[in-house]
């Protein structure tokens, strides 16, 4: 994968979950030349590769360190928005949970994204030991439950059963609900991120060039086509001509930000930021969605073993129609106490991190008029929909009920947060406003479909050779952690591109193309 002066068939911006999957799949055809550009380094430090050290990546040099604007319905707080800045993207800094999307998550996406097509892509993508016929066994993405299970996480699954929730053998089986073990992208004790999974095996693939430590500042659009990229590598500037297809896979924050800086977006917002409008496309930056979360934290009188793999090995999924909260939730059970910064360190403890996986609040992303080339203004508008707050609050008694079951009694759990005194719905909601977190599952800012930014072939409206393939194209946030869905988007994007570039070649998965 050495850089050469040449005309590339496809240039991909962003070496994260989608970009790496796309490059891997597309370069299976040796006649297709691909350039993959990443702003971050190609490092493989222990803080990234050792699973138990993943919390140390947040706020490190491998994290963009973004934050939201103050959230009026979350006590005016600014919440952190961690994003991976490294070859591997956010798969190099996330919690390594591999969750396949539910069929209803993409049922409305339209042609090329039907449940059958998405399931086929996921099966093609993954390598999972076991599971039913829906699971894949020969793909590049290895995932499996924890090799050695923590006793406290075991007790959580048992306690969930005692509280009346089903034990699920495969949380990624279609329609799975209840308590069980997360599939993790950990192999041989090391993080199997997008760099390790998709790029490392391709080191000798001559038709793939990877450029790290290179920032794309702007897309040059002329005559309805993307004709060049303005790059920065350190202090040096460079212009790279685009002769073929350009794909943005920079994620739900940076893909829309790059479009906006290139003059593609809502005209009045561009003018306010001092950007010359090239294409008035109102959907850019709109429809921002995320999974808000809230931790219930306990200390443990009984010592708890440290992590062999990951802090959150087991959890619980409940659909909205199966419990009183009315929205899909996830509970990721951690065998350590996630205490706020500045709070006393708790040596032995547990955390049930409740995630609202069916939010209805919608936000937006814009450029900062005072600094359009700096970090964008990220406004998820958490709890704009009051039902989001009510559903998250309703889950707190649920996890307390599980913690009170006999299977967990031997650990002597003592609630630290929100605290035993916080019992009434109003006080729980107040605690969530002041203590909620972002799951950093941002999606939707270059949405697919009518009124959005891209069509079902991921082509940007009004620019013939420009596509987006990442979390930003999802019209609705999945009801699971989105990493697997994002990889699937990149995988499908490769099929769509190959159908365009090599129309006589037979695709490995069905695609439908139309003339642009």
Protein backbone atom coordinates (compact mmCIF):
# COMPACT_ATOMS: atom_id res chain seq x y z
CA UNK A 1 0.00 0.00 0.00
CA UNK A 2 2.51 2.60 -1.14
CA UNK A 3 1.53 6.00 -2.51
CA UNK A 4 1.99 6.47 -6.23
CA UNK A 5 1.27 9.33 -8.63
CA UNK A 6 -1.78 8.03 -10.49
CA UNK A 7 -5.45 8.55 -11.26
CA UNK A 8 -7.53 6.68 -8.71
CA UNK A 9 -10.89 5.15 -9.54
CA UNK A 10 -12.16 5.90 -6.03
CA UNK A 11 -10.89 8.26 -3.33
CA UNK A 12 -12.26 7.59 0.17
CA UNK A 13 -12.03 10.22 2.92
CA UNK A 14 -11.94 8.64 6.38
CA UNK A 15 -10.39 5.33 7.47
CA UNK A 16 -12.97 4.37 10.08
CA UNK A 17 -15.58 1.62 10.24
CA UNK A 18 -17.17 2.39 6.87
CA UNK A 19 -14.12 3.63 4.98
CA UNK A 20 -11.97 0.63 5.86
CA UNK A 21 -14.78 -1.82 5.06
CA UNK A 22 -15.37 -0.08 1.73
CA UNK A 23 -11.68 -0.12 0.79
CA UNK A 24 -11.34 -3.78 1.73
CA UNK A 25 -14.34 -4.91 -0.30
CA UNK A 26 -13.80 -2.66 -3.31
CA UNK A 27 -10.14 -3.59 -3.82
CA UNK A 28 -11.04 -7.26 -4.11
CA UNK A 29 -11.26 -6.25 -7.78
CA UNK A 30 -7.59 -5.70 -8.71
CA UNK A 31 -8.56 -3.40 -11.56
CA UNK A 32 -10.04 -0.78 -9.19
CA UNK A 33 -7.49 1.65 -7.75
CA UNK A 34 -8.43 3.15 -4.36
CA UNK A 35 -6.90 5.94 -2.28
CA UNK A 36 -7.92 5.97 1.40
CA UNK A 37 -7.18 9.21 3.28
CA UNK A 38 -7.14 9.53 7.09
CA UNK A 39 -6.46 12.61 9.22
CA UNK A 40 -5.08 10.57 12.10
CA UNK A 41 -1.91 8.48 12.40
CA UNK A 42 -1.39 4.83 11.52
CA UNK A 43 -0.22 4.08 15.06
CA UNK A 44 -0.97 0.82 16.92
CA UNK A 45 -0.29 1.86 20.54
CA UNK A 46 -1.18 -0.35 23.50
CA UNK A 47 -3.80 2.16 24.63
CA UNK A 48 -5.70 1.24 21.45
CA UNK A 49 -4.90 -2.45 21.07
CA UNK A 50 -5.26 -3.58 24.71
CA UNK A 51 -9.04 -3.92 25.27
CA UNK A 52 -9.06 -3.10 28.98
CA UNK A 53 -7.34 0.24 28.30
CA UNK A 54 -9.98 1.62 25.96
CA UNK A 55 -11.27 4.31 28.41
CA UNK A 56 -7.79 5.86 28.23
CA UNK A 57 -8.30 6.64 24.54
CA UNK A 58 -11.01 9.19 25.38
CA UNK A 59 -9.41 12.61 25.49
CA UNK A 60 -6.12 11.24 24.14
CA UNK A 61 -4.29 12.25 20.99
CA UNK A 62 -6.37 9.60 19.19
CA UNK A 63 -9.66 11.38 19.97
CA UNK A 64 -10.88 14.54 18.20
CA UNK A 65 -12.24 15.62 21.57
CA UNK A 66 -15.39 17.25 20.24
CA UNK A 67 -18.18 18.44 22.52
CA UNK A 68 -21.78 19.50 22.14
CA UNK A 69 -23.05 23.02 22.49
CA UNK A 70 -24.71 23.58 25.90
CA UNK A 71 -27.81 21.38 26.11
CA UNK A 72 -30.75 23.36 27.46
CA UNK A 73 -32.67 20.26 28.57
CA UNK A 74 -29.62 18.62 30.11
CA UNK A 75 -28.92 21.29 32.72
CA UNK A 76 -27.10 23.49 30.21
CA UNK A 77 -24.17 21.08 30.10
CA UNK A 78 -21.70 20.46 27.29
CA UNK A 79 -21.41 16.70 26.72
CA UNK A 80 -18.32 15.03 25.31
CA UNK A 81 -18.40 13.68 21.75
CA UNK A 82 -15.41 11.31 21.44
CA UNK A 83 -14.43 10.45 17.84
CA UNK A 84 -11.48 8.35 16.76
CA UNK A 85 -8.64 10.24 15.05
CA UNK A 86 -6.51 7.31 13.89
CA UNK A 87 -6.50 4.74 11.11
CA UNK A 88 -9.40 2.64 12.37
CA UNK A 89 -11.50 5.66 13.33
CA UNK A 90 -13.92 5.28 16.20
CA UNK A 91 -13.56 1.48 16.09
CA UNK A 92 -10.15 2.15 17.67
CA UNK A 93 -11.58 4.03 20.66
CA UNK A 94 -15.01 2.44 21.20
CA UNK A 95 -16.14 -0.27 23.62
CA UNK A 96 -15.75 -3.02 20.97
CA UNK A 97 -19.40 -4.19 21.10
CA UNK A 98 -20.61 -5.71 17.82
CA UNK A 99 -24.40 -5.42 17.54
CA UNK A 100 -26.25 -6.31 14.35
CA UNK A 101 -29.14 -3.97 13.50
CA UNK A 102 -32.74 -5.06 13.76
CA UNK A 103 -34.76 -5.41 10.55
CA UNK A 104 -36.97 -2.43 11.38
CA UNK A 105 -33.89 -0.22 11.69
CA UNK A 106 -33.44 -0.18 7.91
CA UNK A 107 -36.79 -1.36 6.57
CA UNK A 108 -37.61 2.14 5.27
CA UNK A 109 -34.24 2.80 3.61
CA UNK A 110 -35.54 1.59 0.23
CA UNK A 111 -33.90 -0.29 -2.61
CA UNK A 112 -30.44 -1.74 -1.97
CA UNK A 113 -31.14 -1.70 1.80
CA UNK A 114 -33.98 -4.17 2.31
CA UNK A 115 -33.79 -6.46 5.37
CA UNK A 116 -32.76 -9.38 3.16
CA UNK A 117 -29.99 -7.37 1.48
CA UNK A 118 -28.69 -5.99 4.77
CA UNK A 119 -28.73 -9.43 6.41
CA UNK A 120 -26.81 -10.87 3.46
CA UNK A 121 -24.21 -8.10 3.74
CA UNK A 122 -23.81 -8.66 7.48
CA UNK A 123 -23.40 -12.39 6.91
CA UNK A 124 -20.77 -11.68 4.25
CA UNK A 125 -19.01 -9.24 6.58
CA UNK A 126 -18.69 -11.13 9.86
CA UNK A 127 -16.90 -14.14 11.27
CA UNK A 128 -18.77 -15.43 14.30
CA UNK A 129 -18.20 -18.81 15.98
CA UNK A 130 -21.67 -20.28 16.30
CA UNK A 131 -25.09 -18.69 16.03
CA UNK A 132 -27.98 -19.53 13.73
CA UNK A 133 -28.16 -19.34 9.95
CA UNK A 134 -28.32 -15.55 9.98
CA UNK A 135 -24.75 -15.29 11.29
CA UNK A 136 -21.67 -15.18 9.08
CA UNK A 137 -18.63 -17.36 9.69
CA UNK A 138 -16.10 -16.52 6.96
CA UNK A 139 -15.99 -12.72 6.79
CA UNK A 140 -13.25 -10.39 8.00
CA UNK A 141 -14.98 -9.07 11.15
CA UNK A 142 -14.33 -11.50 13.99
CA UNK A 143 -16.69 -11.16 16.94
CA UNK A 144 -17.49 -13.41 19.88
CA UNK A 145 -18.55 -13.23 23.52
CA UNK A 146 -15.87 -12.71 26.18
CA UNK A 147 -13.35 -15.54 26.27
CA UNK A 148 -13.31 -15.49 30.08
CA UNK A 149 -16.41 -14.20 31.82
CA UNK A 150 -16.35 -11.92 34.82
CA UNK A 151 -18.29 -13.28 37.80
CA UNK A 152 -20.14 -10.01 38.38
CA UNK A 153 -21.30 -9.91 34.76
CA UNK A 154 -22.39 -13.56 35.12
CA UNK A 155 -24.38 -12.58 38.19
CA UNK A 156 -26.09 -9.75 36.28
CA UNK A 157 -27.37 -12.18 33.64
CA UNK A 158 -28.62 -14.54 36.35
CA UNK A 159 -30.25 -11.69 38.29
CA UNK A 160 -31.99 -10.48 35.13
CA UNK A 161 -33.51 -13.94 34.82
CA UNK A 162 -34.64 -13.82 38.45
CA UNK A 163 -36.31 -10.47 37.70
CA UNK A 164 -38.28 -12.06 34.86
CA UNK A 165 -36.19 -11.26 31.79
CA UNK A 166 -35.25 -14.04 29.39
CA UNK A 167 -31.70 -15.31 29.12
CA UNK A 168 -30.61 -14.96 25.49
CA UNK A 169 -27.87 -17.17 24.10
CA UNK A 170 -27.16 -14.85 21.15
CA UNK A 171 -27.95 -11.15 21.57
CA UNK A 172 -27.36 -10.77 17.82
CA UNK A 173 -29.97 -13.34 16.82
CA UNK A 174 -32.96 -11.82 14.97
CA UNK A 175 -35.45 -10.39 17.46
CA UNK A 176 -33.30 -11.19 20.50
CA UNK A 177 -34.55 -9.62 23.72
CA UNK A 178 -33.44 -10.20 27.26
CA UNK A 179 -30.12 -10.62 29.06
CA UNK A 180 -26.98 -12.18 27.67
CA UNK A 181 -23.43 -11.65 26.51
CA UNK A 182 -22.30 -9.02 24.04
CA UNK A 183 -20.34 -10.04 20.98
CA UNK A 184 -17.00 -8.21 21.15
CA UNK A 185 -14.50 -7.39 18.41
CA UNK A 186 -11.58 -8.80 20.38
CA UNK A 187 -9.33 -11.49 18.95
CA UNK A 188 -6.45 -13.21 20.73
CA UNK A 189 -6.74 -10.68 23.53
CA UNK A 190 -6.34 -7.64 21.24
CA UNK A 191 -8.79 -5.09 19.86
CA UNK A 192 -9.87 -6.10 16.35
CA UNK A 193 -10.66 -2.62 15.03
CA UNK A 194 -11.25 -1.60 11.42
CA UNK A 195 -7.52 -1.10 10.80
CA UNK A 196 -6.67 -4.57 12.08
CA UNK A 197 -9.68 -6.25 10.47
CA UNK A 198 -9.88 -4.65 7.04
CA UNK A 199 -6.49 -3.09 6.26
CA UNK A 200 -3.76 -5.18 7.90
CA UNK A 201 -4.50 -8.25 5.72
CA UNK A 202 -4.18 -6.03 2.62
CA UNK A 203 -0.64 -4.77 3.11
CA UNK A 204 0.41 -6.37 -0.17
CA UNK A 205 -2.69 -5.36 -2.14
CA UNK A 206 -1.18 -3.16 -4.85
CA UNK A 207 -4.38 -1.33 -5.78
CA UNK A 208 -4.92 0.20 -2.32
CA UNK A 209 -3.04 3.29 -1.13
CA UNK A 210 -3.52 4.55 2.44
CA UNK A 211 -2.45 8.08 3.38
CA UNK A 212 -2.50 8.79 7.10
CA UNK A 213 -1.83 12.09 8.91
CA UNK A 214 -3.58 13.90 6.06
CA UNK A 215 -6.56 16.22 6.57
CA UNK A 216 -9.03 17.03 3.82
CA UNK A 217 -9.82 20.73 4.13
CA UNK A 218 -12.24 21.18 1.23
CA UNK A 219 -13.81 19.52 -1.79
CA UNK A 220 -13.56 21.52 -5.01
CA UNK A 221 -16.82 21.25 -6.98
CA UNK A 222 -16.99 22.49 -10.56
CA UNK A 223 -19.71 21.90 -13.12
CA UNK A 224 -21.67 19.59 -10.86
CA UNK A 225 -18.67 17.31 -10.18
CA UNK A 226 -16.09 16.97 -7.43
CA UNK A 227 -12.85 17.77 -9.25
CA UNK A 228 -10.25 18.02 -6.49
CA UNK A 229 -9.47 17.79 -2.78
CA UNK A 230 -7.52 20.39 -0.85
CA UNK A 231 -5.32 18.50 1.62
CA UNK A 232 -3.17 19.39 4.60
CA UNK A 233 -0.36 17.14 5.82
CA UNK A 234 1.32 18.91 8.72
CA UNK A 235 2.04 22.46 7.57
CA UNK A 236 2.06 21.54 3.88
CA UNK A 237 -0.89 22.05 1.55
CA UNK A 238 -1.68 19.96 -1.50
CA UNK A 239 -4.37 19.65 -4.15
CA UNK A 240 -5.30 16.17 -5.40
CA UNK A 241 -7.34 15.90 -8.58
CA UNK A 242 -10.41 13.66 -8.57
CA UNK A 243 -10.89 11.82 -11.85
CA UNK A 244 -13.25 9.12 -10.61
CA UNK A 245 -15.57 8.71 -7.62
CA UNK A 246 -15.19 10.48 -4.27
CA UNK A 247 -16.65 8.93 -1.11
CA UNK A 248 -16.90 10.66 2.26
CA UNK A 249 -16.62 8.19 5.14
CA UNK A 250 -15.53 10.68 7.77
CA UNK A 251 -18.46 10.00 10.10
CA UNK A 252 -21.62 11.74 11.25
CA UNK A 253 -19.68 14.77 12.50
CA UNK A 254 -16.93 15.30 9.95
CA UNK A 255 -18.68 14.26 6.72
CA UNK A 256 -21.35 16.99 7.00
CA UNK A 257 -18.74 19.46 8.27
CA UNK A 258 -16.60 18.80 5.18
CA UNK A 259 -19.60 19.27 2.89
CA UNK A 260 -20.43 22.56 4.58
CA UNK A 261 -16.84 23.84 4.33
CA UNK A 262 -16.99 22.94 0.63
CA UNK A 263 -20.07 25.09 0.08
CA UNK A 264 -22.61 22.26 0.09
CA UNK A 265 -25.43 22.78 2.57
CA UNK A 266 -28.11 25.25 3.68
CA UNK A 267 -27.37 28.46 1.77
CA UNK A 268 -28.09 30.95 4.55
CA UNK A 269 -25.98 29.03 7.06
CA UNK A 270 -23.07 28.92 4.62
CA UNK A 271 -23.26 32.66 4.05
CA UNK A 272 -23.40 33.28 7.81
CA UNK A 273 -20.17 31.29 8.19
CA UNK A 274 -18.44 33.15 5.36
CA UNK A 275 -18.53 30.13 3.03
CA UNK A 276 -19.38 30.68 -0.64
CA UNK A 277 -22.40 28.49 -1.46
CA UNK A 278 -21.82 25.96 -4.23
CA UNK A 279 -24.97 23.89 -3.77
CA UNK A 280 -27.98 24.73 -1.61
CA UNK A 281 -28.67 21.40 0.11
CA UNK A 282 -30.73 22.04 3.27
CA UNK A 283 -30.44 18.50 4.68
CA UNK A 284 -26.69 18.69 5.37
CA UNK A 285 -26.16 18.66 9.13
CA UNK A 286 -29.83 18.14 9.94
CA UNK A 287 -31.43 15.05 11.53
CA UNK A 288 -28.62 14.56 14.09
CA UNK A 289 -29.42 11.64 16.41
CA UNK A 290 -27.63 9.96 19.30
CA UNK A 291 -28.29 7.45 22.07
CA UNK A 292 -28.34 9.28 25.42
CA UNK A 293 -27.30 7.20 28.41
CA UNK A 294 -27.41 7.31 32.19
CA UNK A 295 -25.32 5.33 34.69
CA UNK A 296 -26.60 3.66 37.86
CA UNK A 297 -23.48 3.05 39.95
CA UNK A 298 -22.81 0.78 42.94
CA UNK A 299 -19.86 0.00 45.16
CA UNK A 300 -19.31 -3.66 45.99
CA UNK A 301 -18.42 -4.89 49.47
CA UNK A 302 -17.08 -8.05 47.89
CA UNK A 303 -13.92 -7.70 45.76
CA UNK A 304 -14.53 -7.83 42.01
CA UNK A 305 -11.93 -9.18 39.59
CA UNK A 306 -10.52 -6.72 37.08
CA UNK A 307 -11.21 -6.94 33.35
CA UNK A 308 -9.75 -9.77 31.34
CA UNK A 309 -11.23 -8.41 28.11
CA UNK A 310 -13.62 -5.52 28.51
CA UNK A 311 -15.52 -3.74 31.25
CA UNK A 312 -18.99 -4.39 29.77
CA UNK A 313 -19.31 -8.07 28.89
CA UNK A 314 -23.02 -8.65 29.50
CA UNK A 315 -26.18 -6.66 29.08
CA UNK A 316 -29.90 -6.48 28.49
CA UNK A 317 -32.01 -5.45 25.48
CA UNK A 318 -35.70 -4.60 25.74
CA UNK A 319 -37.91 -3.38 22.91
CA UNK A 320 -40.29 -0.55 23.53
CA UNK A 321 -43.39 -2.75 23.43
CA UNK A 322 -42.03 -5.15 26.08
CA UNK A 323 -41.72 -2.87 29.09
CA UNK A 324 -43.36 0.13 30.70
CA UNK A 325 -40.95 2.73 29.30
CA UNK A 326 -42.29 2.33 25.77
CA UNK A 327 -38.92 2.83 24.01
CA UNK A 328 -36.12 0.39 23.22
CA UNK A 329 -33.36 0.38 25.83
CA UNK A 330 -30.02 -1.30 26.34
CA UNK A 331 -28.32 -1.92 29.67
CA UNK A 332 -24.55 -2.44 29.44
CA UNK A 333 -23.41 -3.95 32.74
CA UNK A 334 -19.88 -2.93 33.73
CA UNK A 335 -17.86 -4.68 36.42
CA UNK A 336 -16.48 -1.38 37.70
CA UNK A 337 -17.94 1.80 39.15
CA UNK A 338 -18.05 4.59 36.55
CA UNK A 339 -17.79 7.55 38.89
CA UNK A 340 -17.78 11.18 37.68
CA UNK A 341 -14.47 13.02 37.21
CA UNK A 342 -13.22 14.30 40.55
CA UNK A 343 -15.24 11.79 42.59
CA UNK A 344 -13.43 9.36 44.92
CA UNK A 345 -12.14 6.25 43.16
CA UNK A 346 -14.17 3.13 43.94
CA UNK A 347 -11.93 0.07 43.86
CA UNK A 348 -14.71 -2.52 43.55
CA UNK A 349 -18.09 -1.77 42.06
CA UNK A 350 -20.51 -2.02 39.16
CA UNK A 351 -22.35 0.21 36.70
CA UNK A 352 -25.52 -0.37 34.72
CA UNK A 353 -25.20 2.06 31.82
CA UNK A 354 -28.73 2.54 30.50
CA UNK A 355 -28.94 3.57 26.85
CA UNK A 356 -32.07 4.97 25.23
CA UNK A 357 -31.89 3.15 21.90
CA UNK A 358 -35.10 4.54 20.39
CA UNK A 359 -34.75 8.32 20.83
CA UNK A 360 -37.06 10.75 19.06
CA UNK A 361 -35.17 13.97 19.72
CA UNK A 362 -33.47 15.38 16.63
CA UNK A 363 -30.68 17.92 16.50
CA UNK A 364 -28.34 19.48 13.99
CA UNK A 365 -24.73 20.25 13.17
CA UNK A 366 -23.54 23.59 11.80
CA UNK A 367 -20.28 25.40 11.25
CA UNK A 368 -19.19 27.89 13.86
CA UNK A 369 -19.62 31.32 12.19
CA UNK A 370 -16.75 32.61 14.33
CA UNK A 371 -14.43 29.76 13.25
CA UNK A 372 -15.83 27.75 10.30
CA UNK A 373 -12.57 25.79 9.96
CA UNK A 374 -12.58 24.77 13.61
CA UNK A 375 -14.74 22.17 15.41
CA UNK A 376 -18.37 22.27 14.24
CA UNK A 377 -21.26 23.19 16.51
CA UNK A 378 -22.86 19.89 17.56
CA UNK A 379 -26.38 20.22 18.96
CA UNK A 380 -28.12 16.85 19.54
CA UNK A 381 -30.93 18.61 21.45
CA UNK A 382 -31.12 15.84 24.01
CA UNK A 383 -34.58 15.42 25.59
CA UNK A 384 -36.28 17.84 23.18
CA UNK A 385 -38.76 14.99 22.99
CA UNK A 386 -40.02 14.66 26.56
CA UNK A 387 -40.74 10.97 26.03
CA UNK A 388 -36.99 10.34 25.72
CA UNK A 389 -36.40 11.60 29.25
CA UNK A 390 -39.40 9.71 30.64
CA UNK A 391 -38.28 6.42 29.06
CA UNK A 392 -34.72 6.74 30.36
CA UNK A 393 -36.05 7.56 33.83
CA UNK A 394 -38.39 4.55 33.77
CA UNK A 395 -35.40 2.25 33.23
CA UNK A 396 -33.74 3.24 36.51
CA UNK A 397 -36.20 1.26 38.71
CA UNK A 398 -35.79 -1.64 36.28
CA UNK A 399 -32.03 -1.94 36.87
CA UNK A 400 -32.51 -1.42 40.60
CA UNK A 401 -34.90 -4.37 40.59
CA UNK A 402 -32.26 -6.52 38.89
CA UNK A 403 -29.58 -5.39 41.37
CA UNK A 404 -31.82 -6.47 44.27
CA UNK A 405 -32.10 -10.10 43.07
CA UNK A 406 -30.45 -13.00 44.96
CA UNK A 407 -27.83 -13.60 42.26
CA UNK A 408 -26.25 -10.22 43.02
CA UNK A 409 -26.93 -10.17 46.77
CA UNK A 410 -23.60 -11.74 47.65
CA UNK A 411 -21.69 -8.76 46.26
CA UNK A 412 -23.19 -6.34 48.77
CA UNK A 413 -23.95 -3.64 46.21
CA UNK A 414 -24.48 -0.15 47.64
CA UNK A 415 -25.92 2.43 45.27
CA UNK A 416 -23.72 5.49 44.82
CA UNK A 417 -25.55 7.17 41.97
CA UNK A 418 -28.05 8.56 41.48
CA UNK A 419 -28.45 7.48 45.13
CA UNK A 420 -31.07 5.76 47.24
CA UNK A 421 -32.85 9.06 47.96
CA UNK A 422 -33.59 9.57 44.26
CA UNK A 423 -36.79 7.55 43.92
CA UNK A 424 -39.63 9.64 42.51
CA UNK A 425 -39.92 10.01 38.71
CA UNK A 426 -39.37 13.77 38.94
CA UNK A 427 -36.17 13.40 40.98
CA UNK A 428 -34.88 10.66 38.68
CA UNK A 429 -35.52 12.88 35.65
CA UNK A 430 -33.68 15.73 37.36
CA UNK A 431 -30.72 13.42 38.02
CA UNK A 432 -30.69 12.38 34.35
CA UNK A 433 -30.65 16.00 33.21
CA UNK A 434 -27.52 16.62 35.29
CA UNK A 435 -25.82 13.23 34.86
CA UNK A 436 -26.68 11.84 31.42
CA UNK A 437 -23.95 11.01 28.92
CA UNK A 438 -23.61 10.67 25.18
CA UNK A 439 -23.08 7.16 23.89
CA UNK A 440 -21.26 8.83 20.94
CA UNK A 441 -23.49 6.95 18.50
CA UNK A 442 -24.18 10.00 16.32
CA UNK A 443 -26.02 9.36 13.06
CA UNK A 444 -28.23 10.91 10.41
CA UNK A 445 -26.56 14.18 9.35
CA UNK A 446 -26.37 13.32 5.61
CA UNK A 447 -29.55 11.28 5.61
CA UNK A 448 -30.64 8.98 2.83
CA UNK A 449 -33.99 9.54 1.15
CA UNK A 450 -36.40 12.35 0.25
CA UNK A 451 -35.47 15.67 1.84
CA UNK A 452 -32.09 14.27 2.80
CA UNK A 453 -28.63 14.45 1.27
CA UNK A 454 -28.02 11.15 -0.54
CA UNK A 455 -30.09 8.69 -2.55
CA UNK A 456 -30.27 4.89 -2.13
CA UNK A 457 -26.96 4.58 -3.98
CA UNK A 458 -25.40 7.04 -1.50
CA UNK A 459 -24.94 9.72 -4.20
CA UNK A 460 -25.05 13.32 -3.00
CA UNK A 461 -27.87 15.21 -4.66
CA UNK A 462 -26.47 17.61 -7.25
CA UNK A 463 -22.87 16.33 -7.40
CA UNK A 464 -22.46 13.54 -9.94
CA UNK A 465 -19.41 11.71 -8.57
CA UNK A 466 -19.72 12.38 -4.82
CA UNK A 467 -21.09 9.86 -2.33
CA UNK A 468 -21.30 9.53 1.44
CA UNK A 469 -20.96 6.16 3.17
CA UNK A 470 -20.95 6.22 6.97
CA UNK A 471 -23.27 6.72 9.96
CA UNK A 472 -24.42 10.06 8.61
CA UNK A 473 -26.54 8.46 5.85
CA UNK A 474 -28.81 6.55 8.25
CA UNK A 475 -32.25 8.21 8.24
CA UNK A 476 -32.95 6.80 11.70
CA UNK A 477 -30.47 5.74 14.34
CA UNK A 478 -30.31 1.94 14.80
CA UNK A 479 -31.73 0.43 17.98
CA UNK A 480 -28.31 -1.06 18.72
CA UNK A 481 -24.74 0.20 19.04
CA UNK A 482 -24.14 1.27 15.41
CA UNK A 483 -20.60 0.09 14.62
CA UNK A 484 -21.70 -3.09 12.79
CA UNK A 485 -24.33 -1.14 10.84
CA UNK A 486 -21.71 1.43 9.81
CA UNK A 487 -19.39 -1.32 8.56
CA UNK A 488 -22.32 -2.78 6.63
CA UNK A 489 -22.91 0.63 4.98
CA UNK A 490 -19.29 0.69 3.82
CA UNK A 491 -19.54 -2.90 2.57
CA UNK A 492 -22.70 -2.14 0.58
CA UNK A 493 -21.16 1.08 -0.74
CA UNK A 494 -18.35 -0.98 -2.25
CA UNK A 495 -20.90 -3.16 -4.05
CA UNK A 496 -22.72 -0.08 -5.37
CA UNK A 497 -19.48 1.50 -6.56
CA UNK A 498 -18.33 -1.67 -8.25
CA UNK A 499 -21.65 -1.89 -10.09
CA UNK A 500 -21.03 1.64 -11.38
CA UNK A 501 -17.34 1.23 -12.21
CA UNK A 502 -17.49 -2.32 -13.55
CA UNK A 503 -21.12 -2.80 -14.69
CA UNK A 504 -20.37 -6.10 -16.44
CA UNK A 505 -18.92 -7.69 -13.30
CA UNK A 506 -21.23 -9.90 -11.28
CA UNK A 507 -21.76 -8.49 -7.75
CA UNK A 508 -21.37 -10.80 -4.77
CA UNK A 509 -24.53 -9.23 -3.33
CA UNK A 510 -27.51 -7.82 -5.29
CA UNK A 511 -27.53 -4.10 -6.11
CA UNK A 512 -29.84 -1.81 -8.05
CA UNK A 513 -28.32 1.16 -9.86
CA UNK A 514 -29.83 4.05 -11.80
CA UNK A 515 -28.22 6.65 -14.01
CA UNK A 516 -27.22 9.81 -12.18
